[in-house]
Amino acid sequence: MKLRIRDNSVRLRLMRGEVETLREQGIVSSRTGFPGGRELRYEVESSPANVTPAAFFSDNVLTVRLPEATVLAWATTEQVSIEGDQVLVDGENLRILVEKDFVCLTGRDDEDESDMYPHPNAADESC
């Protein structure tokens, strides 16, 4: 799972196996280590209680909760992403985007793309 946080937005890209794990087990997680033994953990949960995507941050864990019915439909169709906005305490919006991770159209020697989804624009020449 790949995480990108920028300008009041959270974007997570999941590979095929991770989408399947989310569908079957209701959660998928990953982590990024930092010096001093610290780490940032991030996870995506499928929740029957949620009606819209929502994000939470506590104890160095970023959790994105998605509606269970939405996850089931997303995981079993060609739908690329699940997205939503969450209003923050200060009135600003946090943009949440969870999407399937596609094979890049330009080869990358340093990345294993074997579990990624086929790119829908495979006929194009570059990402």
C-alpha atoms as a PDB file:
ATOM      1  CA  MET A   1       0.000   0.000   0.000  1.00  0.00           C
ATOM      2  CA  LYS A   2       1.298   3.428  -0.894  1.00  0.00           C
ATOM      3  CA  LEU A   3       0.458   6.545   1.088  1.00  0.00           C
ATOM      4  CA  ARG A   4       0.614  10.136  -0.079  1.00  0.00           C
ATOM      5  CA  ILE A   5      -0.379  13.036   2.148  1.00  0.00           C
ATOM      6  CA  ARG A   6      -0.438  16.534   0.688  1.00  0.00           C
ATOM      7  CA  ASP A   7      -2.443  19.757   0.933  1.00  0.00           C
ATOM      8  CA  ASN A   8      -5.345  18.442   3.040  1.00  0.00           C
ATOM      9  CA  SER A   9      -5.538  15.211   1.092  1.00  0.00           C
ATOM     10  CA  VAL A  10      -4.818  11.574   1.864  1.00  0.00           C
ATOM     11  CA  ARG A  11      -4.276   9.196  -1.040  1.00  0.00           C
ATOM     12  CA  LEU A  12      -3.781   5.451  -0.636  1.00  0.00           C
ATOM     13  CA  ARG A  13      -3.104   3.081  -3.527  1.00  0.00           C
ATOM     14  CA  LEU A  14      -3.736  -0.623  -2.972  1.00  0.00           C
ATOM     15  CA  MET A  15      -2.456  -3.554  -4.995  1.00  0.00           C
ATOM     16  CA  ARG A  16      -4.712  -6.466  -5.980  1.00  0.00           C
ATOM     17  CA  GLY A  17      -3.820  -8.616  -2.986  1.00  0.00           C
ATOM     18  CA  GLU A  18      -4.447  -5.729  -0.611  1.00  0.00           C
ATOM     19  CA  VAL A  19      -7.857  -5.009  -2.151  1.00  0.00           C
ATOM     20  CA  GLU A  20      -8.717  -8.691  -1.751  1.00  0.00           C
ATOM     21  CA  THR A  21      -7.538  -8.684   1.882  1.00  0.00           C
ATOM     22  CA  LEU A  22      -9.626  -5.589   2.568  1.00  0.00           C
ATOM     23  CA  ARG A  23     -12.672  -7.245   1.003  1.00  0.00           C
ATOM     24  CA  GLU A  24     -12.210 -10.545   2.865  1.00  0.00           C
ATOM     25  CA  GLN A  25     -10.793  -9.447   6.235  1.00  0.00           C
ATOM     26  CA  GLY A  26     -12.029  -5.868   6.490  1.00  0.00           C
ATOM     27  CA  ILE A  27      -8.601  -4.314   7.047  1.00  0.00           C
ATOM     28  CA  VAL A  28      -5.240  -3.848   5.354  1.00  0.00           C
ATOM     29  CA  SER A  29      -2.282  -2.063   6.913  1.00  0.00           C
ATOM     30  CA  SER A  30       1.272  -0.949   6.284  1.00  0.00           C
ATOM     31  CA  ARG A  31       3.971   1.092   7.989  1.00  0.00           C
ATOM     32  CA  THR A  32       6.893   3.389   7.309  1.00  0.00           C
ATOM     33  CA  GLY A  33       9.857   3.367   9.667  1.00  0.00           C
ATOM     34  CA  PHE A  34      11.785   6.416  10.842  1.00  0.00           C
ATOM     35  CA  PRO A  35      15.055   6.906  12.731  1.00  0.00           C
ATOM     36  CA  GLY A  36      14.962   6.159  16.435  1.00  0.00           C
ATOM     37  CA  GLY A  37      12.657   3.179  15.995  1.00  0.00           C
ATOM     38  CA  ARG A  38       9.597   5.343  15.355  1.00  0.00           C
ATOM     39  CA  GLU A  39       7.048   4.455  12.722  1.00  0.00           C
ATOM     40  CA  LEU A  40       3.944   5.732  11.028  1.00  0.00           C
ATOM     41  CA  ARG A  41       1.318   3.044  10.572  1.00  0.00           C
ATOM     42  CA  TYR A  42      -1.526   3.440   8.123  1.00  0.00           C
ATOM     43  CA  GLU A  43      -4.523   1.258   7.488  1.00  0.00           C
ATOM     44  CA  VAL A  44      -7.707   1.049   5.500  1.00  0.00           C
ATOM     45  CA  GLU A  45     -10.746  -0.492   7.149  1.00  0.00           C
ATOM     46  CA  SER A  46     -14.047  -1.601   5.711  1.00  0.00           C
ATOM     47  CA  SER A  47     -16.809  -0.663   8.155  1.00  0.00           C
ATOM     48  CA  PRO A  48     -20.537  -1.438   8.073  1.00  0.00           C
ATOM     49  CA  ALA A  49     -21.041   1.590  10.358  1.00  0.00           C
ATOM     50  CA  ASN A  50     -19.572   4.153   7.933  1.00  0.00           C
ATOM     51  CA  VAL A  51     -21.666   5.770   5.225  1.00  0.00           C
ATOM     52  CA  THR A  52     -18.879   7.953   3.836  1.00  0.00           C
ATOM     53  CA  PRO A  53     -15.069   7.720   3.806  1.00  0.00           C
ATOM     54  CA  ALA A  54     -13.506   9.074   7.002  1.00  0.00           C
ATOM     55  CA  ALA A  55      -9.951   9.435   8.316  1.00  0.00           C
ATOM     56  CA  PHE A  56      -8.637   9.335  11.877  1.00  0.00           C
ATOM     57  CA  PHE A  57      -5.156   9.860  13.310  1.00  0.00           C
ATOM     58  CA  SER A  58      -4.181   8.591  16.769  1.00  0.00           C
ATOM     59  CA  ASP A  59      -0.998   7.157  18.330  1.00  0.00           C
ATOM     60  CA  ASN A  60       0.955   7.441  15.045  1.00  0.00           C
ATOM     61  CA  VAL A  61      -1.714   5.471  13.173  1.00  0.00           C
ATOM     62  CA  LEU A  62      -3.639   6.912  10.234  1.00  0.00           C
ATOM     63  CA  THR A  63      -6.881   4.981   9.754  1.00  0.00           C
ATOM     64  CA  VAL A  64      -9.118   5.453   6.740  1.00  0.00           C
ATOM     65  CA  ARG A  65     -12.551   3.880   7.175  1.00  0.00           C
ATOM     66  CA  LEU A  66     -14.664   3.138   4.147  1.00  0.00           C
ATOM     67  CA  PRO A  67     -18.282   1.988   3.884  1.00  0.00           C
ATOM     68  CA  GLU A  68     -18.372  -1.811   3.659  1.00  0.00           C
ATOM     69  CA  ALA A  69     -20.872  -1.896   0.772  1.00  0.00           C
ATOM     70  CA  THR A  70     -18.716   0.555  -1.180  1.00  0.00           C
ATOM     71  CA  VAL A  71     -15.595  -1.584  -0.606  1.00  0.00           C
ATOM     72  CA  LEU A  72     -17.399  -4.736  -1.778  1.00  0.00           C
ATOM     73  CA  ALA A  73     -18.573  -3.046  -4.982  1.00  0.00           C
ATOM     74  CA  TRP A  74     -15.150  -1.472  -5.610  1.00  0.00           C
ATOM     75  CA  ALA A  75     -13.255  -4.724  -5.054  1.00  0.00           C
ATOM     76  CA  THR A  76     -15.397  -6.733  -7.471  1.00  0.00           C
ATOM     77  CA  THR A  77     -15.740  -4.271 -10.352  1.00  0.00           C
ATOM     78  CA  GLU A  78     -13.616  -2.118 -12.644  1.00  0.00           C
ATOM     79  CA  GLN A  79     -14.246   0.900 -10.380  1.00  0.00           C
ATOM     80  CA  VAL A  80     -10.874   2.600  -9.863  1.00  0.00           C
ATOM     81  CA  SER A  81     -11.334   4.627  -6.684  1.00  0.00           C
ATOM     82  CA  ILE A  82     -13.335   5.454  -3.600  1.00  0.00           C
ATOM     83  CA  GLU A  83     -13.272   9.105  -2.662  1.00  0.00           C
ATOM     84  CA  GLY A  84     -14.849  11.538  -0.278  1.00  0.00           C
ATOM     85  CA  ASP A  85     -14.418  14.706   1.723  1.00  0.00           C
ATOM     86  CA  GLN A  86     -14.368  15.007   5.494  1.00  0.00           C
ATOM     87  CA  VAL A  87     -15.004  18.346   7.178  1.00  0.00           C
ATOM     88  CA  LEU A  88     -12.313  19.201   9.725  1.00  0.00           C
ATOM     89  CA  VAL A  89     -12.747  21.084  13.000  1.00  0.00           C
ATOM     90  CA  ASP A  90     -11.442  24.301  11.410  1.00  0.00           C
ATOM     91  CA  GLY A  91     -14.023  24.043   8.607  1.00  0.00           C
ATOM     92  CA  GLU A  92     -11.558  22.941   5.948  1.00  0.00           C
ATOM     93  CA  ASN A  93     -12.008  19.703   4.016  1.00  0.00           C
ATOM     94  CA  LEU A  94      -9.796  16.644   4.080  1.00  0.00           C
ATOM     95  CA  ARG A  95      -9.897  14.926   0.697  1.00  0.00           C
ATOM     96  CA  ILE A  96      -9.759  11.108   0.972  1.00  0.00           C
ATOM     97  CA  LEU A  97      -8.874   8.975  -2.041  1.00  0.00           C
ATOM     98  CA  VAL A  98      -8.350   5.210  -2.024  1.00  0.00           C
ATOM     99  CA  GLU A  99      -7.575   3.692  -5.386  1.00  0.00           C
ATOM    100  CA  LYS A 100      -6.368   0.572  -7.123  1.00  0.00           C
ATOM    101  CA  ASP A 101      -2.654   0.682  -7.937  1.00  0.00           C
ATOM    102  CA  PHE A 102      -1.939   0.276 -11.652  1.00  0.00           C
ATOM    103  CA  VAL A 103       1.177  -0.926 -13.399  1.00  0.00           C
ATOM    104  CA  CYS A 104       3.095   2.082 -14.653  1.00  0.00           C
ATOM    105  CA  LEU A 105       3.273   2.445 -18.408  1.00  0.00           C
ATOM    106  CA  THR A 106       6.961   3.309 -18.131  1.00  0.00           C
ATOM    107  CA  GLY A 107       9.002   0.411 -16.761  1.00  0.00           C
ATOM    108  CA  ARG A 108      10.568   0.753 -13.316  1.00  0.00           C
ATOM    109  CA  ASP A 109      13.501  -1.446 -12.382  1.00  0.00           C
ATOM    110  CA  ASP A 110      13.198  -0.741  -8.656  1.00  0.00           C
ATOM    111  CA  GLU A 111       9.527  -1.681  -8.191  1.00  0.00           C
ATOM    112  CA  ASP A 112       7.784  -5.064  -8.208  1.00  0.00           C
ATOM    113  CA  GLU A 113       4.579  -4.467 -10.145  1.00  0.00           C
ATOM    114  CA  SER A 114       3.457  -8.100 -10.307  1.00  0.00           C
ATOM    115  CA  ASP A 115       0.491  -7.556  -7.937  1.00  0.00           C
ATOM    116  CA  MET A 116      -0.670  -4.298  -9.505  1.00  0.00           C
ATOM    117  CA  TYR A 117      -3.730  -3.911 -11.677  1.00  0.00           C
ATOM    118  CA  PRO A 118      -3.244  -3.757 -15.454  1.00  0.00           C
ATOM    119  CA  HIS A 119      -3.186  -0.132 -16.583  1.00  0.00           C
ATOM    120  CA  PRO A 120      -6.409   0.811 -18.395  1.00  0.00           C
ATOM    121  CA  ASN A 121      -4.411   2.950 -20.847  1.00  0.00           C
ATOM    122  CA  ALA A 122      -1.876   0.277 -21.742  1.00  0.00           C
ATOM    123  CA  ALA A 123      -2.007   1.416 -25.379  1.00  0.00           C
ATOM    124  CA  ASP A 124      -0.525   4.803 -24.349  1.00  0.00           C
ATOM    125  CA  GLU A 125       3.234   5.196 -24.202  1.00  0.00           C
ATOM    126  CA  SER A 126       3.796   6.897 -20.840  1.00  0.00           C
ATOM    127  CA  CYS A 127       2.205   7.463 -17.415  1.00  0.00           C
END
